[in-house]
Amino acid sequence: MIYNQTQLPASISYQFEIEVNDLHKSFGKNNDILKGVTFRVKAGENLVMLGKSGSGKSITIKCLVGLITADKGCLKVFDIDITKLDYNQLNKIKLRVGFLFQNSALYDSMSVRENLEFPLRRHSTYLSDTEVENAVTEVLKSVGLLDAIDKMPSELSGGMRKRVGLARTLILKPEIILYDEPTTGLDPITSKEISELILSIQKKNKTTSIIITHDMNCARLTSDRIVILKDGVIYLEGTYTELKQSENEWVRSFFE
């Protein structure tokens, strides 16, 4: 069923891993981006967030991991309001949340192996060298790039960089993954492969995810549910099929 912002169910018996309530964010006096964003993500769900460029999609998920500080609102992750946490407490939450940046954010001076070892060396200091090596090998196998282990980022195609970025996100075994435009700049075949990989990760690891995308094929393949941002709030939500069949012309424009 499609809900608009005023029709969201008041009480549902699901377990939510992400709850955003009345999120506001402005940049300067006359640049209000988020004006009361409210949504919830169930455990194990892939939620796709759509919206025109500049609508605040990326800002929303960056607020969820403290990369941007919200002006107002309650942001619950694992039933903990992260807006009330200090620096160390927030970092503990971040270790359970993976973030795939739009540009993959690989360290250009490090090989693929070193890029993947880095978060383990920093956050899992109890691991032996053998355990680190096994973890790197395992995660590269899961994204189909074991043969690229000693390549430099400059030697990788766009699709390969996305896979390595995803592998680095996965290596700490996050319970939540936030994807910022995971298929941007990729050809249709590679985009489909990345979308299928996101779906595979959800099924294998039972992750909870928010996926920011303009790629409607990615939205179709990966989403359990979709929310659409407009004018600083969640305008509508529903399944891909429900929204595609909407009588609202503005909503249908995303699917044309």
C-alpha atoms as a PDB file:
ATOM      1  CA  MET A   1       0.000   0.000   0.000  1.00  0.00           C
ATOM      2  CA  ILE A   2       1.216   3.523  -0.805  1.00  0.00           C
ATOM      3  CA  TYR A   3       1.347   5.976   2.110  1.00  0.00           C
ATOM      4  CA  ASN A   4       1.910   9.690   2.034  1.00  0.00           C
ATOM      5  CA  GLN A   5       3.670  11.418   4.921  1.00  0.00           C
ATOM      6  CA  THR A   6       0.472  11.933   6.939  1.00  0.00           C
ATOM      7  CA  GLN A   7      -0.743   8.353   6.490  1.00  0.00           C
ATOM      8  CA  LEU A   8       2.237   6.408   7.865  1.00  0.00           C
ATOM      9  CA  PRO A   9       1.067   3.625  10.189  1.00  0.00           C
ATOM     10  CA  ALA A  10       1.277   4.828  13.786  1.00  0.00           C
ATOM     11  CA  SER A  11       2.119   1.451  15.261  1.00  0.00           C
ATOM     12  CA  ILE A  12       3.648  -1.605  13.569  1.00  0.00           C
ATOM     13  CA  SER A  13       4.938  -4.660  15.374  1.00  0.00           C
ATOM     14  CA  TYR A  14       8.110  -4.971  13.254  1.00  0.00           C
ATOM     15  CA  GLN A  15      11.600  -4.609  14.625  1.00  0.00           C
ATOM     16  CA  PHE A  16      13.120  -1.467  13.121  1.00  0.00           C
ATOM     17  CA  GLU A  17      16.892  -1.088  12.825  1.00  0.00           C
ATOM     18  CA  ILE A  18      16.628   2.479  11.532  1.00  0.00           C
ATOM     19  CA  GLU A  19      14.098   5.081  12.637  1.00  0.00           C
ATOM     20  CA  VAL A  20      14.252   8.673  11.431  1.00  0.00           C
ATOM     21  CA  ASN A  21      11.769  11.092  12.947  1.00  0.00           C
ATOM     22  CA  ASP A  22      11.346  14.785  12.045  1.00  0.00           C
ATOM     23  CA  LEU A  23      14.848  15.182  10.600  1.00  0.00           C
ATOM     24  CA  HIS A  24      15.776  18.765   9.721  1.00  0.00           C
ATOM     25  CA  LYS A  25      18.940  20.066   8.076  1.00  0.00           C
ATOM     26  CA  SER A  26      19.710  23.507   6.673  1.00  0.00           C
ATOM     27  CA  PHE A  27      22.832  25.046   5.167  1.00  0.00           C
ATOM     28  CA  GLY A  28      22.656  28.779   5.766  1.00  0.00           C
ATOM     29  CA  LYS A  29      19.602  30.915   6.489  1.00  0.00           C
ATOM     30  CA  ASN A  30      17.638  30.268   3.314  1.00  0.00           C
ATOM     31  CA  ASN A  31      18.756  26.799   2.312  1.00  0.00           C
ATOM     32  CA  ASP A  32      16.482  24.348   4.119  1.00  0.00           C
ATOM     33  CA  ILE A  33      17.123  20.881   2.669  1.00  0.00           C
ATOM     34  CA  LEU A  34      15.418  18.491   5.085  1.00  0.00           C
ATOM     35  CA  LYS A  35      12.216  19.793   6.670  1.00  0.00           C
ATOM     36  CA  GLY A  36      10.925  16.919   8.756  1.00  0.00           C
ATOM     37  CA  VAL A  37      11.968  13.652   7.118  1.00  0.00           C
ATOM     38  CA  THR A  38      10.383  10.628   8.820  1.00  0.00           C
ATOM     39  CA  PHE A  39      10.746   6.968   7.853  1.00  0.00           C
ATOM     40  CA  ARG A  40      11.616   3.556   9.281  1.00  0.00           C
ATOM     41  CA  VAL A  41      13.568   0.586   7.971  1.00  0.00           C
ATOM     42  CA  LYS A  42      12.790  -2.931   9.144  1.00  0.00           C
ATOM     43  CA  ALA A  43      15.520  -5.394  10.047  1.00  0.00           C
ATOM     44  CA  GLY A  44      16.682  -7.196   6.895  1.00  0.00           C
ATOM     45  CA  GLU A  45      14.932  -4.744   4.550  1.00  0.00           C
ATOM     46  CA  ASN A  46      16.350  -2.982   1.493  1.00  0.00           C
ATOM     47  CA  LEU A  47      14.859   0.518   1.400  1.00  0.00           C
ATOM     48  CA  VAL A  48      15.477   2.548  -1.769  1.00  0.00           C
ATOM     49  CA  MET A  49      15.328   6.339  -1.484  1.00  0.00           C
ATOM     50  CA  LEU A  50      14.420   8.316  -4.591  1.00  0.00           C
ATOM     51  CA  GLY A  51      14.260  12.058  -5.182  1.00  0.00           C
ATOM     52  CA  LYS A  52      15.373  14.730  -7.588  1.00  0.00           C
ATOM     53  CA  SER A  53      18.983  15.919  -7.443  1.00  0.00           C
ATOM     54  CA  GLY A  54      19.509  18.156  -4.429  1.00  0.00           C
ATOM     55  CA  SER A  55      16.507  16.799  -2.541  1.00  0.00           C
ATOM     56  CA  GLY A  56      18.640  15.674   0.406  1.00  0.00           C
ATOM     57  CA  LYS A  57      18.948  11.918  -0.063  1.00  0.00           C
ATOM     58  CA  SER A  58      22.692  11.722   0.566  1.00  0.00           C
ATOM     59  CA  ILE A  59      22.420  14.246   3.400  1.00  0.00           C
ATOM     60  CA  THR A  60      19.873  11.989   5.095  1.00  0.00           C
ATOM     61  CA  ILE A  61      22.111   8.923   5.178  1.00  0.00           C
ATOM     62  CA  LYS A  62      25.167  10.983   6.139  1.00  0.00           C
ATOM     63  CA  CYS A  63      23.216  12.258   9.142  1.00  0.00           C
ATOM     64  CA  LEU A  64      22.582   8.617  10.088  1.00  0.00           C
ATOM     65  CA  VAL A  65      26.304   7.985  10.590  1.00  0.00           C
ATOM     66  CA  GLY A  66      27.246  11.382  11.956  1.00  0.00           C
ATOM     67  CA  LEU A  67      29.090  12.575   8.842  1.00  0.00           C
ATOM     68  CA  ILE A  68      26.681  15.526   8.897  1.00  0.00           C
ATOM     69  CA  THR A  69      25.116  16.825  12.094  1.00  0.00           C
ATOM     70  CA  ALA A  70      21.320  17.121  12.036  1.00  0.00           C
ATOM     71  CA  ASP A  71      19.779  20.424  13.127  1.00  0.00           C
ATOM     72  CA  LYS A  72      16.781  18.680  14.663  1.00  0.00           C
ATOM     73  CA  GLY A  73      15.232  15.246  14.864  1.00  0.00           C
ATOM     74  CA  CYS A  74      15.531  11.783  16.350  1.00  0.00           C
ATOM     75  CA  LEU A  75      17.829   9.355  14.503  1.00  0.00           C
ATOM     76  CA  LYS A  76      17.635   5.870  15.944  1.00  0.00           C
ATOM     77  CA  VAL A  77      20.040   3.154  14.823  1.00  0.00           C
ATOM     78  CA  PHE A  78      19.686  -0.198  16.627  1.00  0.00           C
ATOM     79  CA  ASP A  79      17.111   1.601  18.825  1.00  0.00           C
ATOM     80  CA  ILE A  80      19.750   4.127  19.962  1.00  0.00           C
ATOM     81  CA  ASP A  81      19.278   7.843  19.261  1.00  0.00           C
ATOM     82  CA  ILE A  82      22.672   8.721  17.765  1.00  0.00           C
ATOM     83  CA  THR A  83      22.058  12.461  18.193  1.00  0.00           C
ATOM     84  CA  LYS A  84      22.572  11.973  21.946  1.00  0.00           C
ATOM     85  CA  LEU A  85      25.869  10.058  21.693  1.00  0.00           C
ATOM     86  CA  ASP A  86      29.337  11.387  22.352  1.00  0.00           C
ATOM     87  CA  TYR A  87      32.216  10.879  19.898  1.00  0.00           C
ATOM     88  CA  ASN A  88      33.337   7.487  21.234  1.00  0.00           C
ATOM     89  CA  GLN A  89      29.808   6.135  21.527  1.00  0.00           C
ATOM     90  CA  LEU A  90      29.013   7.188  17.967  1.00  0.00           C
ATOM     91  CA  ASN A  91      32.157   5.480  16.669  1.00  0.00           C
ATOM     92  CA  LYS A  92      31.004   2.194  18.213  1.00  0.00           C
ATOM     93  CA  ILE A  93      27.747   2.479  16.252  1.00  0.00           C
ATOM     94  CA  LYS A  94      29.645   3.358  13.059  1.00  0.00           C
ATOM     95  CA  LEU A  95      31.544   0.059  13.248  1.00  0.00           C
ATOM     96  CA  ARG A  96      28.221  -1.735  12.813  1.00  0.00           C
ATOM     97  CA  VAL A  97      27.189   0.416   9.834  1.00  0.00           C
ATOM     98  CA  GLY A  98      28.854   0.175   6.421  1.00  0.00           C
ATOM     99  CA  PHE A  99      28.833   3.153   4.044  1.00  0.00           C
ATOM    100  CA  LEU A 100      29.502   2.750   0.318  1.00  0.00           C
ATOM    101  CA  PHE A 101      30.444   6.177  -1.008  1.00  0.00           C
ATOM    102  CA  GLN A 102      29.434   7.238  -4.506  1.00  0.00           C
ATOM    103  CA  ASN A 103      33.061   7.376  -5.685  1.00  0.00           C
ATOM    104  CA  SER A 104      34.050   4.232  -3.705  1.00  0.00           C
ATOM    105  CA  ALA A 105      36.578   6.366  -1.715  1.00  0.00           C
ATOM    106  CA  LEU A 106      39.512   3.981  -2.167  1.00  0.00           C
ATOM    107  CA  TYR A 107      43.002   5.039  -1.090  1.00  0.00           C
ATOM    108  CA  ASP A 108      44.802   5.524  -4.398  1.00  0.00           C
ATOM    109  CA  SER A 109      48.229   4.945  -2.850  1.00  0.00           C
ATOM    110  CA  MET A 110      47.233   1.524  -1.493  1.00  0.00           C
ATOM    111  CA  SER A 111      46.716  -1.734  -3.365  1.00  0.00           C
ATOM    112  CA  VAL A 112      43.365  -3.512  -3.193  1.00  0.00           C
ATOM    113  CA  ARG A 113      44.811  -5.788  -0.511  1.00  0.00           C
ATOM    114  CA  GLU A 114      46.000  -2.804   1.542  1.00  0.00           C
ATOM    115  CA  ASN A 115      42.689  -0.971   1.138  1.00  0.00           C
ATOM    116  CA  LEU A 116      40.900  -3.977   2.637  1.00  0.00           C
ATOM    117  CA  GLU A 117      43.460  -4.604   5.346  1.00  0.00           C
ATOM    118  CA  PHE A 118      43.312  -1.009   6.550  1.00  0.00           C
ATOM    119  CA  PRO A 119      39.940  -1.141   8.405  1.00  0.00           C
ATOM    120  CA  LEU A 120      40.871  -4.490   9.957  1.00  0.00           C
ATOM    121  CA  ARG A 121      44.255  -3.242  11.175  1.00  0.00           C
ATOM    122  CA  ARG A 122      42.566  -0.184  12.641  1.00  0.00           C
ATOM    123  CA  HIS A 123      39.469  -1.697  14.235  1.00  0.00           C
ATOM    124  CA  SER A 124      40.195  -5.427  14.648  1.00  0.00           C
ATOM    125  CA  THR A 125      43.664  -5.321  16.186  1.00  0.00           C
ATOM    126  CA  TYR A 126      43.163  -8.706  17.846  1.00  0.00           C
ATOM    127  CA  LEU A 127      43.321 -10.485  14.471  1.00  0.00           C
ATOM    128  CA  SER A 128      46.491 -12.294  13.460  1.00  0.00           C
ATOM    129  CA  ASP A 129      48.139 -11.682  10.083  1.00  0.00           C
ATOM    130  CA  THR A 130      46.720 -14.998   8.863  1.00  0.00           C
ATOM    131  CA  GLU A 131      43.222 -14.057   9.967  1.00  0.00           C
ATOM    132  CA  VAL A 132      43.494 -10.690   8.227  1.00  0.00           C
ATOM    133  CA  GLU A 133      44.685 -12.397   5.028  1.00  0.00           C
ATOM    134  CA  ASN A 134      41.824 -14.903   5.192  1.00  0.00           C
ATOM    135  CA  ALA A 135      39.282 -12.120   5.733  1.00  0.00           C
ATOM    136  CA  VAL A 136      40.584 -10.156   2.734  1.00  0.00           C
ATOM    137  CA  THR A 137      40.548 -13.255   0.531  1.00  0.00           C
ATOM    138  CA  GLU A 138      37.041 -14.213   1.617  1.00  0.00           C
ATOM    139  CA  VAL A 139      35.510 -10.797   1.014  1.00  0.00           C
ATOM    140  CA  LEU A 140      37.172 -10.411  -2.404  1.00  0.00           C
ATOM    141  CA  LYS A 141      35.804 -13.805  -3.394  1.00  0.00           C
ATOM    142  CA  SER A 142      32.328 -12.657  -2.349  1.00  0.00           C
ATOM    143  CA  VAL A 143      32.482  -9.741  -4.809  1.00  0.00           C
ATOM    144  CA  GLY A 144      34.224 -11.742  -7.532  1.00  0.00           C
ATOM    145  CA  LEU A 145      37.549  -9.885  -7.492  1.00  0.00           C
ATOM    146  CA  LEU A 146      40.117 -12.159  -5.879  1.00  0.00           C
ATOM    147  CA  ASP A 147      42.372 -11.895  -8.938  1.00  0.00           C
ATOM    148  CA  ALA A 148      42.614  -8.118  -8.392  1.00  0.00           C
ATOM    149  CA  ILE A 149      44.025  -8.387  -4.872  1.00  0.00           C
ATOM    150  CA  ASP A 150      47.406  -6.826  -5.725  1.00  0.00           C
ATOM    151  CA  LYS A 151      46.199  -4.256  -8.254  1.00  0.00           C
ATOM    152  CA  MET A 152      46.211  -0.528  -7.577  1.00  0.00           C
ATOM    153  CA  PRO A 153      42.920   1.438  -7.781  1.00  0.00           C
ATOM    154  CA  SER A 154      44.196   3.186 -10.930  1.00  0.00           C
ATOM    155  CA  GLU A 155      44.297  -0.212 -12.649  1.00  0.00           C
ATOM    156  CA  LEU A 156      40.632  -0.945 -11.950  1.00  0.00           C
ATOM    157  CA  SER A 157      37.580  -0.199 -14.066  1.00  0.00           C
ATOM    158  CA  GLY A 158      34.687   1.752 -12.580  1.00  0.00           C
ATOM    159  CA  GLY A 159      32.764  -1.427 -11.859  1.00  0.00           C
ATOM    160  CA  MET A 160      35.779  -3.056 -10.231  1.00  0.00           C
ATOM    161  CA  ARG A 161      36.305  -0.001  -8.008  1.00  0.00           C
ATOM    162  CA  LYS A 162      32.682  -0.245  -6.885  1.00  0.00           C
ATOM    163  CA  ARG A 163      33.189  -3.917  -6.025  1.00  0.00           C
ATOM    164  CA  VAL A 164      36.354  -3.200  -4.058  1.00  0.00           C
ATOM    165  CA  GLY A 165      34.585  -0.353  -2.256  1.00  0.00           C
ATOM    166  CA  LEU A 166      31.791  -2.756  -1.406  1.00  0.00           C
ATOM    167  CA  ALA A 167      34.302  -5.369  -0.246  1.00  0.00           C
ATOM    168  CA  ARG A 168      35.891  -2.809   2.079  1.00  0.00           C
ATOM    169  CA  THR A 169      32.437  -1.977   3.420  1.00  0.00           C
ATOM    170  CA  LEU A 170      31.708  -5.660   4.029  1.00  0.00           C
ATOM    171  CA  ILE A 171      34.985  -6.622   5.656  1.00  0.00           C
ATOM    172  CA  LEU A 172      33.919  -5.438   9.116  1.00  0.00           C
ATOM    173  CA  LYS A 173      30.676  -7.433   8.740  1.00  0.00           C
ATOM    174  CA  PRO A 174      28.245  -4.518   9.156  1.00  0.00           C
ATOM    175  CA  GLU A 175      24.644  -5.135  10.137  1.00  0.00           C
ATOM    176  CA  ILE A 176      23.481  -2.055   8.205  1.00  0.00           C
ATOM    177  CA  ILE A 177      24.796  -0.851   4.833  1.00  0.00           C
ATOM    178  CA  LEU A 178      24.137   2.606   3.389  1.00  0.00           C
ATOM    179  CA  TYR A 179      24.672   2.801  -0.386  1.00  0.00           C
ATOM    180  CA  ASP A 180      25.153   6.237  -1.983  1.00  0.00           C
ATOM    181  CA  GLU A 181      24.484   5.926  -5.731  1.00  0.00           C
ATOM    182  CA  PRO A 182      26.085   2.457  -6.082  1.00  0.00           C
ATOM    183  CA  THR A 183      25.620   2.268  -9.873  1.00  0.00           C
ATOM    184  CA  THR A 184      26.350   5.862 -10.916  1.00  0.00           C
ATOM    185  CA  GLY A 185      28.702   6.101 -13.897  1.00  0.00           C
ATOM    186  CA  LEU A 186      28.510   2.418 -14.754  1.00  0.00           C
ATOM    187  CA  ASP A 187      27.346   0.828 -17.988  1.00  0.00           C
ATOM    188  CA  PRO A 188      23.971  -1.005 -17.888  1.00  0.00           C
ATOM    189  CA  ILE A 189      25.503  -4.500 -17.652  1.00  0.00           C
ATOM    190  CA  THR A 190      27.859  -3.582 -14.807  1.00  0.00           C
ATOM    191  CA  SER A 191      25.054  -1.659 -13.055  1.00  0.00           C
ATOM    192  CA  LYS A 192      22.912  -4.789 -13.155  1.00  0.00           C
ATOM    193  CA  GLU A 193      25.783  -6.850 -11.726  1.00  0.00           C
ATOM    194  CA  ILE A 194      26.246  -4.403  -8.829  1.00  0.00           C
ATOM    195  CA  SER A 195      22.495  -4.385  -8.157  1.00  0.00           C
ATOM    196  CA  GLU A 196      22.424  -8.182  -8.099  1.00  0.00           C
ATOM    197  CA  LEU A 197      25.422  -8.162  -5.756  1.00  0.00           C
ATOM    198  CA  ILE A 198      23.563  -5.832  -3.358  1.00  0.00           C
ATOM    199  CA  LEU A 199      20.625  -8.220  -3.385  1.00  0.00           C
ATOM    200  CA  SER A 200      22.926 -11.211  -2.829  1.00  0.00           C
ATOM    201  CA  ILE A 201      24.550  -9.488   0.161  1.00  0.00           C
ATOM    202  CA  GLN A 202      21.132  -8.814   1.682  1.00  0.00           C
ATOM    203  CA  LYS A 203      20.097 -12.447   1.358  1.00  0.00           C
ATOM    204  CA  LYS A 204      23.413 -13.939   2.487  1.00  0.00           C
ATOM    205  CA  ASN A 205      24.218 -11.576   5.375  1.00  0.00           C
ATOM    206  CA  LYS A 206      20.657 -10.488   6.260  1.00  0.00           C
ATOM    207  CA  THR A 207      21.771  -6.869   6.198  1.00  0.00           C
ATOM    208  CA  THR A 208      19.476  -3.882   6.541  1.00  0.00           C
ATOM    209  CA  SER A 209      20.143  -1.291   3.828  1.00  0.00           C
ATOM    210  CA  ILE A 210      19.241   2.132   2.513  1.00  0.00           C
ATOM    211  CA  ILE A 211      20.056   2.565  -1.169  1.00  0.00           C
ATOM    212  CA  ILE A 212      20.220   6.058  -2.680  1.00  0.00           C
ATOM    213  CA  THR A 213      19.874   5.843  -6.444  1.00  0.00           C
ATOM    214  CA  HIS A 214      18.704   7.513  -9.650  1.00  0.00           C
ATOM    215  CA  ASP A 215      18.974   4.171 -11.450  1.00  0.00           C
ATOM    216  CA  MET A 216      15.445   2.802 -11.687  1.00  0.00           C
ATOM    217  CA  ASN A 217      16.657  -0.634 -12.733  1.00  0.00           C
ATOM    218  CA  CYS A 218      18.732  -0.731  -9.536  1.00  0.00           C
ATOM    219  CA  ALA A 219      15.636   0.369  -7.585  1.00  0.00           C
ATOM    220  CA  ARG A 220      13.550  -2.360  -9.215  1.00  0.00           C
ATOM    221  CA  LEU A 221      16.080  -5.108  -8.557  1.00  0.00           C
ATOM    222  CA  THR A 222      17.112  -4.227  -5.001  1.00  0.00           C
ATOM    223  CA  SER A 223      14.128  -2.643  -3.266  1.00  0.00           C
ATOM    224  CA  ASP A 224      11.721  -4.207  -0.828  1.00  0.00           C
ATOM    225  CA  ARG A 225      10.202  -0.757  -0.429  1.00  0.00           C
ATOM    226  CA  ILE A 226      10.783   2.733  -1.854  1.00  0.00           C
ATOM    227  CA  VAL A 227      10.438   6.193  -0.305  1.00  0.00           C
ATOM    228  CA  ILE A 228      10.446   9.391  -2.364  1.00  0.00           C
ATOM    229  CA  LEU A 229      11.814  12.685  -1.035  1.00  0.00           C
ATOM    230  CA  LYS A 230      10.156  15.905  -2.152  1.00  0.00           C
ATOM    231  CA  ASP A 231      10.237  19.400  -0.652  1.00  0.00           C
ATOM    232  CA  GLY A 232      12.246  18.223   2.330  1.00  0.00           C
ATOM    233  CA  VAL A 233       9.931  15.413   3.490  1.00  0.00           C
ATOM    234  CA  ILE A 234       9.011  11.872   2.501  1.00  0.00           C
ATOM    235  CA  TYR A 235       6.339  12.460  -0.121  1.00  0.00           C
ATOM    236  CA  LEU A 236       5.246   8.875  -0.811  1.00  0.00           C
ATOM    237  CA  GLU A 237       6.299   5.335  -0.042  1.00  0.00           C
ATOM    238  CA  GLY A 238       5.389   1.937  -1.452  1.00  0.00           C
ATOM    239  CA  THR A 239       6.737  -0.950  -3.470  1.00  0.00           C
ATOM    240  CA  TYR A 240       8.286  -0.451  -6.895  1.00  0.00           C
ATOM    241  CA  THR A 241       5.137  -1.771  -8.576  1.00  0.00           C
ATOM    242  CA  GLU A 242       2.782   0.354  -6.476  1.00  0.00           C
ATOM    243  CA  LEU A 243       4.660   3.557  -7.167  1.00  0.00           C
ATOM    244  CA  LYS A 244       5.101   2.799 -10.858  1.00  0.00           C
ATOM    245  CA  GLN A 245       1.322   2.434 -11.124  1.00  0.00           C
ATOM    246  CA  SER A 246       0.622   5.620  -9.156  1.00  0.00           C
ATOM    247  CA  GLU A 247      -1.844   8.094 -10.621  1.00  0.00           C
ATOM    248  CA  ASN A 248       0.450  10.899  -9.488  1.00  0.00           C
ATOM    249  CA  GLU A 249       2.198  12.210 -12.618  1.00  0.00           C
ATOM    250  CA  TRP A 250       5.225  13.503 -10.690  1.00  0.00           C
ATOM    251  CA  VAL A 251       5.758  10.082  -9.099  1.00  0.00           C
ATOM    252  CA  ARG A 252       5.332   8.282 -12.430  1.00  0.00           C
ATOM    253  CA  SER A 253       7.990  10.545 -13.971  1.00  0.00           C
ATOM    254  CA  PHE A 254      10.654   8.580 -12.060  1.00  0.00           C
ATOM    255  CA  PHE A 255       9.658   5.410 -13.893  1.00  0.00           C
ATOM    256  CA  GLU A 256       9.513   6.779 -17.438  1.00  0.00           C
END
